[in-house]
PDB file of N, CA and C in Angstrom:
ATOM      1  N   UNK A   1       0.843  -1.176   0.000  1.00  0.00           N
ATOM      2  CA  UNK A   1       0.000   0.000   0.000  1.00  0.00           C
ATOM      3  C   UNK A   1       0.891   1.243   0.000  1.00  0.00           C
ATOM      4  N   UNK A   2       0.516   2.292  -0.740  1.00  0.00           N
ATOM      5  CA  UNK A   2       1.328   3.504  -0.795  1.00  0.00           C
ATOM      6  C   UNK A   2       1.388   4.212   0.565  1.00  0.00           C
ATOM      7  N   UNK A   3       2.389   5.034   0.725  1.00  0.00           N
ATOM      8  CA  UNK A   3       2.530   5.839   1.937  1.00  0.00           C
ATOM      9  C   UNK A   3       1.703   7.113   1.764  1.00  0.00           C
ATOM     10  N   UNK A   4       0.906   7.454   2.782  1.00  0.00           N
ATOM     11  CA  UNK A   4       0.014   8.611   2.683  1.00  0.00           C
ATOM     12  C   UNK A   4       0.381   9.755   3.622  1.00  0.00           C
ATOM     13  N   UNK A   5       1.556   9.756   4.184  1.00  0.00           N
ATOM     14  CA  UNK A   5       1.956  10.842   5.061  1.00  0.00           C
ATOM     15  C   UNK A   5       1.834  10.457   6.526  1.00  0.00           C
ATOM     16  N   UNK A   6       2.446  11.254   7.349  1.00  0.00           N
ATOM     17  CA  UNK A   6       2.542  10.946   8.770  1.00  0.00           C
ATOM     18  C   UNK A   6       1.191  10.967   9.478  1.00  0.00           C
ATOM     19  N   UNK A   7       0.360  11.981   9.220  1.00  0.00           N
ATOM     20  CA  UNK A   7      -0.914  12.069   9.929  1.00  0.00           C
ATOM     21  C   UNK A   7      -1.988  11.150   9.358  1.00  0.00           C
ATOM     22  N   UNK A   8      -1.727  10.507   8.260  1.00  0.00           N
ATOM     23  CA  UNK A   8      -2.677   9.543   7.713  1.00  0.00           C
ATOM     24  C   UNK A   8      -2.367   8.146   8.253  1.00  0.00           C
ATOM     25  N   UNK A   9      -2.000   8.106   9.517  1.00  0.00           N
ATOM     26  CA  UNK A   9      -1.793   6.860  10.252  1.00  0.00           C
ATOM     27  C   UNK A   9      -2.613   6.960  11.529  1.00  0.00           C
ATOM     28  N   UNK A  10      -3.208   5.865  11.951  1.00  0.00           N
ATOM     29  CA  UNK A  10      -4.144   5.903  13.070  1.00  0.00           C
ATOM     30  C   UNK A  10      -3.492   6.420  14.349  1.00  0.00           C
ATOM     31  N   UNK A  11      -2.324   5.910  14.721  1.00  0.00           N
ATOM     32  CA  UNK A  11      -1.697   6.313  15.981  1.00  0.00           C
ATOM     33  C   UNK A  11      -1.294   7.791  15.986  1.00  0.00           C
ATOM     34  N   UNK A  12      -0.721   8.280  14.895  1.00  0.00           N
ATOM     35  CA  UNK A  12      -0.323   9.697  14.854  1.00  0.00           C
ATOM     36  C   UNK A  12      -1.549  10.599  14.828  1.00  0.00           C
ATOM     37  N   UNK A  13      -2.604  10.150  14.163  1.00  0.00           N
ATOM     38  CA  UNK A  13      -3.838  10.926  14.119  1.00  0.00           C
ATOM     39  C   UNK A  13      -4.441  11.032  15.515  1.00  0.00           C
ATOM     40  N   UNK A  14      -4.474   9.941  16.253  1.00  0.00           N
ATOM     41  CA  UNK A  14      -4.989   9.968  17.631  1.00  0.00           C
ATOM     42  C   UNK A  14      -4.203  10.949  18.488  1.00  0.00           C
ATOM     43  N   UNK A  15      -2.892  10.925  18.364  1.00  0.00           N
ATOM     44  CA  UNK A  15      -2.049  11.840  19.146  1.00  0.00           C
ATOM     45  C   UNK A  15      -2.326  13.288  18.757  1.00  0.00           C
ATOM     46  N   UNK A  16      -2.528  13.545  17.481  1.00  0.00           N
ATOM     47  CA  UNK A  16      -2.799  14.907  17.016  1.00  0.00           C
ATOM     48  C   UNK A  16      -4.156  15.396  17.507  1.00  0.00           C
ATOM     49  N   UNK A  17      -5.138  14.507  17.580  1.00  0.00           N
ATOM     50  CA  UNK A  17      -6.462  14.892  18.087  1.00  0.00           C
ATOM     51  C   UNK A  17      -6.374  15.231  19.569  1.00  0.00           C
ATOM     52  N   UNK A  18      -5.602  14.471  20.315  1.00  0.00           N
ATOM     53  CA  UNK A  18      -5.469  14.686  21.757  1.00  0.00           C
ATOM     54  C   UNK A  18      -4.670  15.939  22.088  1.00  0.00           C
ATOM     55  N   UNK A  19      -3.770  16.353  21.205  1.00  0.00           N
ATOM     56  CA  UNK A  19      -2.918  17.523  21.459  1.00  0.00           C
ATOM     57  C   UNK A  19      -3.698  18.810  21.221  1.00  0.00           C
ATOM     58  N   UNK A  20      -3.313  19.899  21.892  1.00  0.00           N
ATOM     59  CA  UNK A  20      -3.979  21.177  21.618  1.00  0.00           C
ATOM     60  C   UNK A  20      -3.689  21.638  20.187  1.00  0.00           C
ATOM     61  N   UNK A  21      -4.657  22.303  19.552  1.00  0.00           N
ATOM     62  CA  UNK A  21      -4.447  22.730  18.163  1.00  0.00           C
ATOM     63  C   UNK A  21      -3.367  23.800  18.058  1.00  0.00           C
ATOM     64  N   UNK A  22      -2.574  23.685  17.022  1.00  0.00           N
ATOM     65  CA  UNK A  22      -1.531  24.675  16.739  1.00  0.00           C
ATOM     66  C   UNK A  22      -1.578  25.015  15.254  1.00  0.00           C
ATOM     67  N   UNK A  23      -1.121  26.204  14.928  1.00  0.00           N
ATOM     68  CA  UNK A  23      -1.013  26.572  13.517  1.00  0.00           C
ATOM     69  C   UNK A  23       0.169  25.835  12.909  1.00  0.00           C
ATOM     70  N   UNK A  24       0.008  25.378  11.708  1.00  0.00           N
ATOM     71  CA  UNK A  24       1.071  24.635  11.037  1.00  0.00           C
ATOM     72  C   UNK A  24       1.707  25.510   9.966  1.00  0.00           C
ATOM     73  N   UNK A  25       3.015  25.355   9.761  1.00  0.00           N
ATOM     74  CA  UNK A  25       3.652  26.049   8.635  1.00  0.00           C
ATOM     75  C   UNK A  25       3.047  25.555   7.314  1.00  0.00           C
ATOM     76  N   UNK A  26       3.185  26.339   6.297  1.00  0.00           N
ATOM     77  CA  UNK A  26       2.547  26.049   5.012  1.00  0.00           C
ATOM     78  C   UNK A  26       3.054  24.749   4.386  1.00  0.00           C
ATOM     79  N   UNK A  27       4.344  24.483   4.439  1.00  0.00           N
ATOM     80  CA  UNK A  27       4.900  23.300   3.771  1.00  0.00           C
ATOM     81  C   UNK A  27       4.341  21.996   4.341  1.00  0.00           C
ATOM     82  N   UNK A  28       4.377  21.794   5.686  1.00  0.00           N
ATOM     83  CA  UNK A  28       3.798  20.544   6.205  1.00  0.00           C
ATOM     84  C   UNK A  28       2.295  20.427   5.935  1.00  0.00           C
ATOM     85  N   UNK A  29       1.592  21.551   5.972  1.00  0.00           N
ATOM     86  CA  UNK A  29       0.161  21.530   5.683  1.00  0.00           C
ATOM     87  C   UNK A  29      -0.079  21.085   4.247  1.00  0.00           C
ATOM     88  N   UNK A  30       0.689  21.607   3.325  1.00  0.00           N
ATOM     89  CA  UNK A  30       0.557  21.226   1.921  1.00  0.00           C
ATOM     90  C   UNK A  30       0.879  19.756   1.717  1.00  0.00           C
ATOM     91  N   UNK A  31       1.896  19.254   2.426  1.00  0.00           N
ATOM     92  CA  UNK A  31       2.257  17.834   2.309  1.00  0.00           C
ATOM     93  C   UNK A  31       1.143  16.934   2.835  1.00  0.00           C
ATOM     94  N   UNK A  32       0.595  17.275   4.000  1.00  0.00           N
ATOM     95  CA  UNK A  32      -0.473  16.447   4.578  1.00  0.00           C
ATOM     96  C   UNK A  32      -1.746  16.529   3.737  1.00  0.00           C
ATOM     97  N   UNK A  33      -2.043  17.712   3.200  1.00  0.00           N
ATOM     98  CA  UNK A  33      -3.214  17.847   2.333  1.00  0.00           C
ATOM     99  C   UNK A  33      -3.046  17.014   1.073  1.00  0.00           C
ATOM    100  N   UNK A  34      -1.867  17.051   0.471  1.00  0.00           N
ATOM    101  CA  UNK A  34      -1.594  16.251  -0.724  1.00  0.00           C
ATOM    102  C   UNK A  34      -1.713  14.763  -0.419  1.00  0.00           C
ATOM    103  N   UNK A  35      -1.205  14.355   0.740  1.00  0.00           N
ATOM    104  CA  UNK A  35      -1.305  12.949   1.136  1.00  0.00           C
ATOM    105  C   UNK A  35      -2.759  12.547   1.343  1.00  0.00           C
ATOM    106  N   UNK A  36      -3.549  13.427   1.971  1.00  0.00           N
ATOM    107  CA  UNK A  36      -4.968  13.134   2.183  1.00  0.00           C
ATOM    108  C   UNK A  36      -5.728  13.076   0.855  1.00  0.00           C
ATOM    109  N   UNK A  37      -5.380  13.954  -0.079  1.00  0.00           N
ATOM    110  CA  UNK A  37      -6.015  13.919  -1.413  1.00  0.00           C
ATOM    111  C   UNK A  37      -5.693  12.616  -2.133  1.00  0.00           C
ATOM    112  N   UNK A  38      -4.460  12.184  -2.021  1.00  0.00           N
ATOM    113  CA  UNK A  38      -4.050  10.928  -2.657  1.00  0.00           C
ATOM    114  C   UNK A  38      -4.783   9.745  -2.023  1.00  0.00           C
ATOM    115  N   UNK A  39      -4.908   9.771  -0.691  1.00  0.00           N
ATOM    116  CA  UNK A  39      -5.643   8.712  -0.004  1.00  0.00           C
ATOM    117  C   UNK A  39      -7.115   8.722  -0.406  1.00  0.00           C
ATOM    118  N   UNK A  40      -7.731   9.885  -0.448  1.00  0.00           N
ATOM    119  CA  UNK A  40      -9.135   9.980  -0.858  1.00  0.00           C
ATOM    120  C   UNK A  40      -9.320   9.499  -2.295  1.00  0.00           C
ATOM    121  N   UNK A  41      -8.392   9.848  -3.163  1.00  0.00           N
ATOM    122  CA  UNK A  41      -8.447   9.397  -4.557  1.00  0.00           C
ATOM    123  C   UNK A  41      -8.368   7.876  -4.646  1.00  0.00           C
ATOM    124  N   UNK A  42      -7.395   7.304  -3.925  1.00  0.00           N
ATOM    125  CA  UNK A  42      -7.232   5.848  -3.946  1.00  0.00           C
ATOM    126  C   UNK A  42      -8.429   5.144  -3.316  1.00  0.00           C
ATOM    127  N   UNK A  43      -8.958   5.714  -2.239  1.00  0.00           N
ATOM    128  CA  UNK A  43     -10.040   5.054  -1.508  1.00  0.00           C
ATOM    129  C   UNK A  43     -11.381   5.170  -2.209  1.00  0.00           C
ATOM    130  N   UNK A  44     -11.733   6.364  -2.650  1.00  0.00           N
ATOM    131  CA  UNK A  44     -13.098   6.596  -3.103  1.00  0.00           C
ATOM    132  C   UNK A  44     -13.262   6.689  -4.611  1.00  0.00           C
ATOM    133  N   UNK A  45     -12.200   6.968  -5.339  1.00  0.00           N
ATOM    134  CA  UNK A  45     -12.302   7.006  -6.796  1.00  0.00           C
ATOM    135  C   UNK A  45     -11.759   5.725  -7.408  1.00  0.00           C
ATOM    136  N   UNK A  46     -10.532   5.355  -7.011  1.00  0.00           N
ATOM    137  CA  UNK A  46      -9.938   4.113  -7.522  1.00  0.00           C
ATOM    138  C   UNK A  46     -10.472   2.881  -6.802  1.00  0.00           C
ATOM    139  N   UNK A  47     -11.104   3.104  -5.662  1.00  0.00           N
ATOM    140  CA  UNK A  47     -11.737   2.048  -4.863  1.00  0.00           C
ATOM    141  C   UNK A  47     -10.766   0.931  -4.472  1.00  0.00           C
ATOM    142  N   UNK A  48      -9.608   1.333  -3.992  1.00  0.00           N
ATOM    143  CA  UNK A  48      -8.642   0.370  -3.468  1.00  0.00           C
ATOM    144  C   UNK A  48      -9.094  -0.009  -2.055  1.00  0.00           C
ATOM    145  N   UNK A  49      -9.352  -1.295  -1.793  1.00  0.00           N
ATOM    146  CA  UNK A  49      -9.892  -1.700  -0.483  1.00  0.00           C
ATOM    147  C   UNK A  49      -9.033  -1.293   0.706  1.00  0.00           C
ATOM    148  N   UNK A  50      -7.723  -1.441   0.615  1.00  0.00           N
ATOM    149  CA  UNK A  50      -6.852  -1.082   1.738  1.00  0.00           C
ATOM    150  C   UNK A  50      -6.890   0.422   2.001  1.00  0.00           C
ATOM    151  N   UNK A  51      -6.912   1.220   0.947  1.00  0.00           N
ATOM    152  CA  UNK A  51      -6.971   2.675   1.101  1.00  0.00           C
ATOM    153  C   UNK A  51      -8.325   3.099   1.661  1.00  0.00           C
ATOM    154  N   UNK A  52      -9.396   2.451   1.208  1.00  0.00           N
ATOM    155  CA  UNK A  52     -10.724   2.789   1.729  1.00  0.00           C
ATOM    156  C   UNK A  52     -10.834   2.419   3.202  1.00  0.00           C
ATOM    157  N   UNK A  53     -10.272   1.294   3.572  1.00  0.00           N
ATOM    158  CA  UNK A  53     -10.292   0.891   4.980  1.00  0.00           C
ATOM    159  C   UNK A  53      -9.541   1.908   5.835  1.00  0.00           C
ATOM    160  N   UNK A  54      -8.383   2.370   5.367  1.00  0.00           N
ATOM    161  CA  UNK A  54      -7.614   3.365   6.104  1.00  0.00           C
ATOM    162  C   UNK A  54      -8.366   4.690   6.190  1.00  0.00           C
ATOM    163  N   UNK A  55      -8.934   5.137   5.085  1.00  0.00           N
ATOM    164  CA  UNK A  55      -9.660   6.405   5.078  1.00  0.00           C
ATOM    165  C   UNK A  55     -10.860   6.354   6.018  1.00  0.00           C
ATOM    166  N   UNK A  56     -11.610   5.268   5.983  1.00  0.00           N
ATOM    167  CA  UNK A  56     -12.764   5.132   6.873  1.00  0.00           C
ATOM    168  C   UNK A  56     -12.329   5.085   8.330  1.00  0.00           C
ATOM    169  N   UNK A  57     -11.217   4.415   8.598  1.00  0.00           N
ATOM    170  CA  UNK A  57     -10.703   4.350   9.963  1.00  0.00           C
ATOM    171  C   UNK A  57     -10.267   5.726  10.453  1.00  0.00           C
ATOM    172  N   UNK A  58      -9.606   6.491   9.590  1.00  0.00           N
ATOM    173  CA  UNK A  58      -9.183   7.837   9.969  1.00  0.00           C
ATOM    174  C   UNK A  58     -10.389   8.742  10.230  1.00  0.00           C
ATOM    175  N   UNK A  59     -11.408   8.655   9.377  1.00  0.00           N
ATOM    176  CA  UNK A  59     -12.624   9.440   9.607  1.00  0.00           C
ATOM    177  C   UNK A  59     -13.281   9.042  10.925  1.00  0.00           C
ATOM    178  N   UNK A  60     -13.310   7.753  11.196  1.00  0.00           N
ATOM    179  CA  UNK A  60     -13.884   7.275  12.454  1.00  0.00           C
ATOM    180  C   UNK A  60     -13.114   7.848  13.648  1.00  0.00           C
ATOM    181  N   UNK A  61     -11.794   7.782  13.597  1.00  0.00           N
ATOM    182  CA  UNK A  61     -10.977   8.289  14.699  1.00  0.00           C
ATOM    183  C   UNK A  61     -11.194   9.790  14.901  1.00  0.00           C
ATOM    184  N   UNK A  62     -11.275  10.535  13.812  1.00  0.00           N
ATOM    185  CA  UNK A  62     -11.518  11.970  13.924  1.00  0.00           C
ATOM    186  C   UNK A  62     -12.896  12.222  14.527  1.00  0.00           C
ATOM    187  N   UNK A  63     -13.918  11.525  14.042  1.00  0.00           N
ATOM    188  CA  UNK A  63     -15.279  11.734  14.550  1.00  0.00           C
ATOM    189  C   UNK A  63     -15.395  11.374  16.021  1.00  0.00           C
ATOM    190  N   UNK A  64     -14.782  10.276  16.429  1.00  0.00           N
ATOM    191  CA  UNK A  64     -14.829   9.894  17.837  1.00  0.00           C
ATOM    192  C   UNK A  64     -14.048  10.889  18.692  1.00  0.00           C
ATOM    193  N   UNK A  65     -12.900  11.319  18.203  1.00  0.00           N
ATOM    194  CA  UNK A  65     -12.063  12.242  18.963  1.00  0.00           C
ATOM    195  C   UNK A  65     -12.603  13.654  19.057  1.00  0.00           C
ATOM    196  N   UNK A  66     -13.469  14.033  18.140  1.00  0.00           N
ATOM    197  CA  UNK A  66     -13.999  15.402  18.135  1.00  0.00           C
ATOM    198  C   UNK A  66     -15.512  15.449  18.356  1.00  0.00           C
ATOM    199  N   UNK A  67     -16.087  14.327  18.741  1.00  0.00           N
ATOM    200  CA  UNK A  67     -17.544  14.241  18.955  1.00  0.00           C
ATOM    201  C   UNK A  67     -18.317  14.663  17.704  1.00  0.00           C
ATOM    202  N   UNK A  68     -17.876  14.206  16.555  1.00  0.00           N
ATOM    203  CA  UNK A  68     -18.501  14.448  15.253  1.00  0.00           C
ATOM    204  C   UNK A  68     -18.508  15.908  14.837  1.00  0.00           C
ATOM    205  N   UNK A  69     -17.626  16.699  15.427  1.00  0.00           N
ATOM    206  CA  UNK A  69     -17.470  18.099  15.015  1.00  0.00           C
ATOM    207  C   UNK A  69     -16.223  18.216  14.153  1.00  0.00           C
ATOM    208  N   UNK A  70     -16.104  19.328  13.482  1.00  0.00           N
ATOM    209  CA  UNK A  70     -14.900  19.577  12.692  1.00  0.00           C
ATOM    210  C   UNK A  70     -13.708  19.741  13.628  1.00  0.00           C
ATOM    211  N   UNK A  71     -12.569  19.144  13.288  1.00  0.00           N
ATOM    212  CA  UNK A  71     -11.380  19.320  14.139  1.00  0.00           C
ATOM    213  C   UNK A  71     -10.957  20.786  14.188  1.00  0.00           C
ATOM    214  N   UNK A  72     -10.390  21.178  15.311  1.00  0.00           N
ATOM    215  CA  UNK A  72      -9.998  22.576  15.470  1.00  0.00           C
ATOM    216  C   UNK A  72      -8.609  22.867  14.910  1.00  0.00           C
ATOM    217  N   UNK A  73      -7.763  21.865  14.787  1.00  0.00           N
ATOM    218  CA  UNK A  73      -6.439  22.074  14.231  1.00  0.00           C
ATOM    219  C   UNK A  73      -6.490  22.204  12.721  1.00  0.00           C
ATOM    220  N   UNK A  74      -5.650  23.049  12.187  1.00  0.00           N
ATOM    221  CA  UNK A  74      -5.654  23.325  10.745  1.00  0.00           C
ATOM    222  C   UNK A  74      -5.342  22.070   9.932  1.00  0.00           C
ATOM    223  N   UNK A  75      -4.327  21.332  10.319  1.00  0.00           N
ATOM    224  CA  UNK A  75      -3.926  20.149   9.565  1.00  0.00           C
ATOM    225  C   UNK A  75      -4.988  19.071   9.660  1.00  0.00           C
ATOM    226  N   UNK A  76      -5.495  18.815  10.868  1.00  0.00           N
ATOM    227  CA  UNK A  76      -6.552  17.812  11.028  1.00  0.00           C
ATOM    228  C   UNK A  76      -7.813  18.203  10.266  1.00  0.00           C
ATOM    229  N   UNK A  77      -8.149  19.482  10.284  1.00  0.00           N
ATOM    230  CA  UNK A  77      -9.333  19.946   9.561  1.00  0.00           C
ATOM    231  C   UNK A  77      -9.172  19.737   8.058  1.00  0.00           C
ATOM    232  N   UNK A  78      -7.978  19.956   7.542  1.00  0.00           N
ATOM    233  CA  UNK A  78      -7.729  19.750   6.110  1.00  0.00           C
ATOM    234  C   UNK A  78      -7.864  18.270   5.747  1.00  0.00           C
ATOM    235  N   UNK A  79      -7.320  17.398   6.585  1.00  0.00           N
ATOM    236  CA  UNK A  79      -7.436  15.960   6.337  1.00  0.00           C
ATOM    237  C   UNK A  79      -8.892  15.528   6.432  1.00  0.00           C
ATOM    238  N   UNK A  80      -9.579  15.986   7.473  1.00  0.00           N
ATOM    239  CA  UNK A  80     -10.985  15.620   7.685  1.00  0.00           C
ATOM    240  C   UNK A  80     -11.854  16.070   6.511  1.00  0.00           C
ATOM    241  N   UNK A  81     -11.690  17.324   6.104  1.00  0.00           N
ATOM    242  CA  UNK A  81     -12.520  17.856   5.015  1.00  0.00           C
ATOM    243  C   UNK A  81     -12.258  17.111   3.718  1.00  0.00           C
ATOM    244  N   UNK A  82     -11.014  16.784   3.453  1.00  0.00           N
ATOM    245  CA  UNK A  82     -10.654  16.100   2.215  1.00  0.00           C
ATOM    246  C   UNK A  82     -11.216  14.684   2.184  1.00  0.00           C
ATOM    247  N   UNK A  83     -11.032  13.948   3.267  1.00  0.00           N
ATOM    248  CA  UNK A  83     -11.545  12.578   3.306  1.00  0.00           C
ATOM    249  C   UNK A  83     -13.069  12.545   3.333  1.00  0.00           C
ATOM    250  N   UNK A  84     -13.677  13.462   4.071  1.00  0.00           N
ATOM    251  CA  UNK A  84     -15.135  13.488   4.148  1.00  0.00           C
ATOM    252  C   UNK A  84     -15.758  13.856   2.805  1.00  0.00           C
ATOM    253  N   UNK A  85     -15.150  14.773   2.078  1.00  0.00           N
ATOM    254  CA  UNK A  85     -15.657  15.134   0.748  1.00  0.00           C
ATOM    255  C   UNK A  85     -15.613  13.931  -0.192  1.00  0.00           C
ATOM    256  N   UNK A  86     -14.509  13.186  -0.168  1.00  0.00           N
ATOM    257  CA  UNK A  86     -14.418  11.981  -0.987  1.00  0.00           C
ATOM    258  C   UNK A  86     -15.427  10.928  -0.578  1.00  0.00           C
ATOM    259  N   UNK A  87     -15.602  10.759   0.729  1.00  0.00           N
ATOM    260  CA  UNK A  87     -16.561   9.783   1.259  1.00  0.00           C
ATOM    261  C   UNK A  87     -17.985  10.127   0.807  1.00  0.00           C
ATOM    262  N   UNK A  88     -18.367  11.386   0.974  1.00  0.00           N
ATOM    263  CA  UNK A  88     -19.721  11.795   0.601  1.00  0.00           C
ATOM    264  C   UNK A  88     -19.939  11.709  -0.904  1.00  0.00           C
ATOM    265  N   UNK A  89     -18.940  12.118  -1.680  1.00  0.00           N
ATOM    266  CA  UNK A  89     -19.061  12.041  -3.132  1.00  0.00           C
ATOM    267  C   UNK A  89     -19.275  10.597  -3.576  1.00  0.00           C
ATOM    268  N   UNK A  90     -18.535   9.695  -2.985  1.00  0.00           N
ATOM    269  CA  UNK A  90     -18.636   8.281  -3.363  1.00  0.00           C
ATOM    270  C   UNK A  90     -19.995   7.702  -3.004  1.00  0.00           C
ATOM    271  N   UNK A  91     -20.484   8.008  -1.799  1.00  0.00           N
ATOM    272  CA  UNK A  91     -21.704   7.370  -1.332  1.00  0.00           C
ATOM    273  C   UNK A  91     -22.980   8.100  -1.738  1.00  0.00           C
ATOM    274  N   UNK A  92     -22.890   9.376  -2.051  1.00  0.00           N
ATOM    275  CA  UNK A  92     -24.093  10.108  -2.442  1.00  0.00           C
ATOM    276  C   UNK A  92     -24.248  10.250  -3.951  1.00  0.00           C
ATOM    277  N   UNK A  93     -23.203  10.025  -4.701  1.00  0.00           N
ATOM    278  CA  UNK A  93     -23.261  10.175  -6.161  1.00  0.00           C
ATOM    279  C   UNK A  93     -24.334   9.287  -6.806  1.00  0.00           C
ATOM    280  N   UNK A  94     -24.498   8.029  -6.380  1.00  0.00           N
ATOM    281  CA  UNK A  94     -25.537   7.205  -7.015  1.00  0.00           C
ATOM    282  C   UNK A  94     -26.952   7.755  -6.832  1.00  0.00           C
ATOM    283  N   UNK A  95     -27.187   8.549  -5.792  1.00  0.00           N
ATOM    284  CA  UNK A  95     -28.519   9.081  -5.529  1.00  0.00           C
ATOM    285  C   UNK A  95     -28.698  10.493  -6.087  1.00  0.00           C
ATOM    286  N   UNK A  96     -27.724  10.970  -6.838  1.00  0.00           N
ATOM    287  CA  UNK A  96     -27.768  12.334  -7.368  1.00  0.00           C
ATOM    288  C   UNK A  96     -28.889  12.473  -8.392  1.00  0.00           C
ATOM    289  N   UNK A  97     -29.600  13.587  -8.336  1.00  0.00           N
ATOM    290  CA  UNK A  97     -30.659  13.872  -9.303  1.00  0.00           C
ATOM    291  C   UNK A  97     -30.306  15.158 -10.039  1.00  0.00           C
ATOM    292  N   UNK A  98     -30.784  15.264 -11.240  1.00  0.00           N
ATOM    293  CA  UNK A  98     -30.541  16.454 -12.046  1.00  0.00           C
ATOM    294  C   UNK A  98     -31.612  17.504 -11.739  1.00  0.00           C
ATOM    295  N   UNK A  99     -31.251  18.779 -11.786  1.00  0.00           N
ATOM    296  CA  UNK A  99     -32.266  19.820 -11.585  1.00  0.00           C
ATOM    297  C   UNK A  99     -33.284  19.807 -12.718  1.00  0.00           C
ATOM    298  N   UNK A 100     -34.464  20.291 -12.449  1.00  0.00           N
ATOM    299  CA  UNK A 100     -35.508  20.310 -13.468  1.00  0.00           C
ATOM    300  C   UNK A 100     -35.973  21.745 -13.702  1.00  0.00           C
ATOM    301  N   UNK A 101     -36.583  21.950 -14.836  1.00  0.00           N
ATOM    302  CA  UNK A 101     -37.130  23.258 -15.177  1.00  0.00           C
ATOM    303  C   UNK A 101     -38.543  23.357 -14.618  1.00  0.00           C
ATOM    304  N   UNK A 102     -38.864  24.489 -14.021  1.00  0.00           N
ATOM    305  CA  UNK A 102     -40.199  24.648 -13.444  1.00  0.00           C
ATOM    306  C   UNK A 102     -41.215  25.162 -14.462  1.00  0.00           C
ATOM    307  N   UNK A 103     -40.786  25.410 -15.695  1.00  0.00           N
ATOM    308  CA  UNK A 103     -41.706  25.888 -16.731  1.00  0.00           C
ATOM    309  C   UNK A 103     -42.682  24.760 -17.052  1.00  0.00           C
ATOM    310  N   UNK A 104     -43.933  25.087 -17.040  1.00  0.00           N
ATOM    311  CA  UNK A 104     -44.953  24.111 -17.380  1.00  0.00           C
ATOM    312  C   UNK A 104     -45.428  23.274 -16.204  1.00  0.00           C
ATOM    313  N   UNK A 105     -44.889  23.506 -15.041  1.00  0.00           N
ATOM    314  CA  UNK A 105     -45.347  22.760 -13.872  1.00  0.00           C
ATOM    315  C   UNK A 105     -46.388  23.606 -13.160  1.00  0.00           C
ATOM    316  N   UNK A 106     -47.529  23.023 -12.908  1.00  0.00           N
ATOM    317  CA  UNK A 106     -48.602  23.724 -12.235  1.00  0.00           C
ATOM    318  C   UNK A 106     -48.498  23.452 -10.737  1.00  0.00           C
ATOM    319  N   UNK A 107     -48.349  24.518  -9.975  1.00  0.00           N
ATOM    320  CA  UNK A 107     -48.269  24.373  -8.527  1.00  0.00           C
ATOM    321  C   UNK A 107     -49.664  24.565  -7.940  1.00  0.00           C
ATOM    322  N   UNK A 108     -50.219  23.505  -7.447  1.00  0.00           N
ATOM    323  CA  UNK A 108     -51.533  23.572  -6.824  1.00  0.00           C
ATOM    324  C   UNK A 108     -51.453  22.986  -5.427  1.00  0.00           C
ATOM    325  N   UNK A 109     -52.128  23.618  -4.528  1.00  0.00           N
ATOM    326  CA  UNK A 109     -52.212  23.028  -3.208  1.00  0.00           C
ATOM    327  C   UNK A 109     -53.359  22.022  -3.228  1.00  0.00           C
ATOM    328  N   UNK A 110     -53.296  21.007  -2.403  1.00  0.00           N
ATOM    329  CA  UNK A 110     -54.342  19.975  -2.416  1.00  0.00           C
ATOM    330  C   UNK A 110     -55.732  20.519  -2.108  1.00  0.00           C
ATOM    331  N   UNK A 111     -55.825  21.593  -1.337  1.00  0.00           N
ATOM    332  CA  UNK A 111     -57.158  22.104  -0.976  1.00  0.00           C
ATOM    333  C   UNK A 111     -57.575  23.294  -1.831  1.00  0.00           C
ATOM    334  N   UNK A 112     -56.892  23.569  -2.914  1.00  0.00           N
ATOM    335  CA  UNK A 112     -57.197  24.733  -3.752  1.00  0.00           C
ATOM    336  C   UNK A 112     -58.605  24.644  -4.349  1.00  0.00           C
ATOM    337  N   UNK A 113     -58.958  23.488  -4.824  1.00  0.00           N
ATOM    338  CA  UNK A 113     -60.284  23.333  -5.413  1.00  0.00           C
ATOM    339  C   UNK A 113     -61.399  23.458  -4.394  1.00  0.00           C
ATOM    340  N   UNK A 114     -61.163  23.064  -3.190  1.00  0.00           N
ATOM    341  CA  UNK A 114     -62.204  23.120  -2.159  1.00  0.00           C
ATOM    342  C   UNK A 114     -62.501  24.548  -1.750  1.00  0.00           C
ATOM    343  N   UNK A 115     -61.501  25.431  -1.791  1.00  0.00           N
ATOM    344  CA  UNK A 115     -61.738  26.813  -1.371  1.00  0.00           C
ATOM    345  C   UNK A 115     -62.755  27.509  -2.269  1.00  0.00           C
ATOM    346  N   UNK A 116     -62.702  27.234  -3.558  1.00  0.00           N
ATOM    347  CA  UNK A 116     -63.610  27.873  -4.493  1.00  0.00           C
ATOM    348  C   UNK A 116     -65.048  27.421  -4.326  1.00  0.00           C
ATOM    349  N   UNK A 117     -65.257  26.301  -3.692  1.00  0.00           N
ATOM    350  CA  UNK A 117     -66.618  25.772  -3.533  1.00  0.00           C
ATOM    351  C   UNK A 117     -67.203  26.111  -2.156  1.00  0.00           C
ATOM    352  N   UNK A 118     -66.468  26.888  -1.379  1.00  0.00           N
ATOM    353  CA  UNK A 118     -67.003  27.290  -0.073  1.00  0.00           C
ATOM    354  C   UNK A 118     -66.865  26.211   0.982  1.00  0.00           C
ATOM    355  N   UNK A 119     -65.981  25.274   0.801  1.00  0.00           N
ATOM    356  CA  UNK A 119     -65.834  24.224   1.811  1.00  0.00           C
ATOM    357  C   UNK A 119     -64.848  24.578   2.864  1.00  0.00           C
TER     358      UNK A 119
END
């Protein structure tokens, strides 16, 4: 399985959740974001089972550690948002519907006809 960066490991992620949030320099943030994007791509687009298992485990650890709220640390928030976006895209895409045009649609309330008859 490919390497996805330091924070894309369960033990390091747990430690980062437990630690107080700190601002991260741009370079490490970019590296972790790139690693999370690669993991999300492998897990949810390429559908690699090992990558999907890791991504789901990381999302679980973040959700349990933050009580299903967004993480407060910049790096954790970037990883969480990236993995969650891939997860939702994968699981909600089959139920996606196309928008429709409202031209020609008659909007009637169920009791509209009754009002005219004095009921």
